[in-house]
């Protein structure tokens, strides 16, 4: 069987963008061909989505917090001269 596929190389591993009809531990031969750069990020994103590497968020912004509610929430936060890192250390206590 001869098949040409597109894959992404990351951290020493090739990730095919399509499903492969291969058995576990099956040996294959690779021929590396330079491909034209992806013209749009949407094209790459669509390929990643189709291969299952990326899922598109389906949540709605209907339940998002309003700017007014966010500002009110921020006003309830204590403001001190102590850096946040020091506050975390103090609240965490000894390890």
Protein backbone atom coordinates (compact mmCIF):
# COMPACT_ATOMS: atom_id res chain seq x y z
CA UNK A 1 0.00 0.00 0.00
CA UNK A 2 1.37 3.41 -0.95
CA UNK A 3 -0.16 6.47 0.66
CA UNK A 4 0.87 10.10 0.97
CA UNK A 5 -0.12 11.79 4.22
CA UNK A 6 0.63 15.03 6.02
CA UNK A 7 2.12 14.92 9.51
CA UNK A 8 3.42 17.38 12.07
CA UNK A 9 6.82 16.78 13.66
CA UNK A 10 6.98 17.81 17.32
CA UNK A 11 9.40 16.78 20.07
CA UNK A 12 10.88 13.96 18.02
CA UNK A 13 7.53 12.41 17.06
CA UNK A 14 5.59 12.54 13.79
CA UNK A 15 1.86 13.13 14.30
CA UNK A 16 -0.19 12.23 11.20
CA UNK A 17 -3.10 14.53 10.42
CA UNK A 18 -5.18 11.62 9.11
CA UNK A 19 -5.99 8.20 10.47
CA UNK A 20 -3.59 5.50 9.32
CA UNK A 21 -4.70 1.96 8.55
CA UNK A 22 -1.71 0.37 10.29
CA UNK A 23 -1.26 -2.41 12.80
CA UNK A 24 0.57 -1.75 16.07
CA UNK A 25 4.35 -1.94 15.63
CA UNK A 26 4.03 -2.21 11.85
CA UNK A 27 7.17 -1.01 10.09
CA UNK A 28 6.73 1.65 7.41
CA UNK A 29 9.13 3.52 5.14
CA UNK A 30 9.02 7.31 5.10
CA UNK A 31 9.90 9.64 2.28
CA UNK A 32 10.17 13.23 3.47
CA UNK A 33 8.94 15.82 1.00
CA UNK A 34 9.00 19.54 1.51
CA UNK A 35 5.53 20.92 1.46
CA UNK A 36 4.32 24.38 0.65
CA UNK A 37 3.74 26.45 3.77
CA UNK A 38 0.19 26.51 5.07
CA UNK A 39 -1.44 29.59 3.61
CA UNK A 40 -3.70 30.33 6.54
CA UNK A 41 -3.83 29.41 10.18
CA UNK A 42 -7.46 28.39 9.62
CA UNK A 43 -6.35 25.64 7.22
CA UNK A 44 -3.92 24.24 9.77
CA UNK A 45 -6.48 24.53 12.56
CA UNK A 46 -9.03 22.68 10.45
CA UNK A 47 -6.54 19.87 9.77
CA UNK A 48 -5.73 19.61 13.49
CA UNK A 49 -9.44 19.56 14.35
CA UNK A 50 -10.15 16.85 11.76
CA UNK A 51 -7.34 14.71 13.14
CA UNK A 52 -8.60 15.05 16.72
CA UNK A 53 -5.59 16.99 18.03
CA UNK A 54 -7.72 20.09 18.64
CA UNK A 55 -11.33 20.51 19.66
CA UNK A 56 -13.21 23.71 19.08
CA UNK A 57 -14.81 25.21 22.17
CA UNK A 58 -18.60 25.15 22.01
CA UNK A 59 -19.39 27.19 25.11
CA UNK A 60 -21.55 30.25 24.89
CA UNK A 61 -20.75 33.74 26.08
CA UNK A 62 -24.31 34.09 27.39
CA UNK A 63 -23.16 33.15 30.89
CA UNK A 64 -20.00 35.26 30.78
CA UNK A 65 -19.53 37.77 33.58
CA UNK A 66 -20.34 41.36 32.68
CA UNK A 67 -17.75 44.12 32.93
CA UNK A 68 -19.74 45.71 35.76
CA UNK A 69 -19.82 42.45 37.74
CA UNK A 70 -16.11 41.93 37.12
CA UNK A 71 -15.31 45.44 38.38
CA UNK A 72 -17.44 44.85 41.49
CA UNK A 73 -15.64 41.56 42.13
CA UNK A 74 -12.22 43.18 41.74
CA UNK A 75 -13.18 45.87 44.27
CA UNK A 76 -13.73 43.16 46.89
CA UNK A 77 -10.12 41.98 46.61
CA UNK A 78 -7.86 43.19 49.41
CA UNK A 79 -5.11 45.53 48.25
CA UNK A 80 -1.94 45.62 50.35
CA UNK A 81 1.64 46.79 50.01
CA UNK A 82 2.83 43.19 50.34
CA UNK A 83 3.79 41.52 47.04
CA UNK A 84 1.47 38.68 46.02
CA UNK A 85 4.36 36.20 46.19
CA UNK A 86 5.00 37.10 49.83
CA UNK A 87 1.29 36.81 50.66
CA UNK A 88 1.22 33.33 49.13
CA UNK A 89 4.25 32.27 51.15
CA UNK A 90 2.69 33.59 54.35
CA UNK A 91 -0.68 31.91 53.70
CA UNK A 92 0.92 28.64 52.64
CA UNK A 93 2.96 28.33 55.82
CA UNK A 94 5.89 26.01 56.34
CA UNK A 95 6.21 23.07 53.99
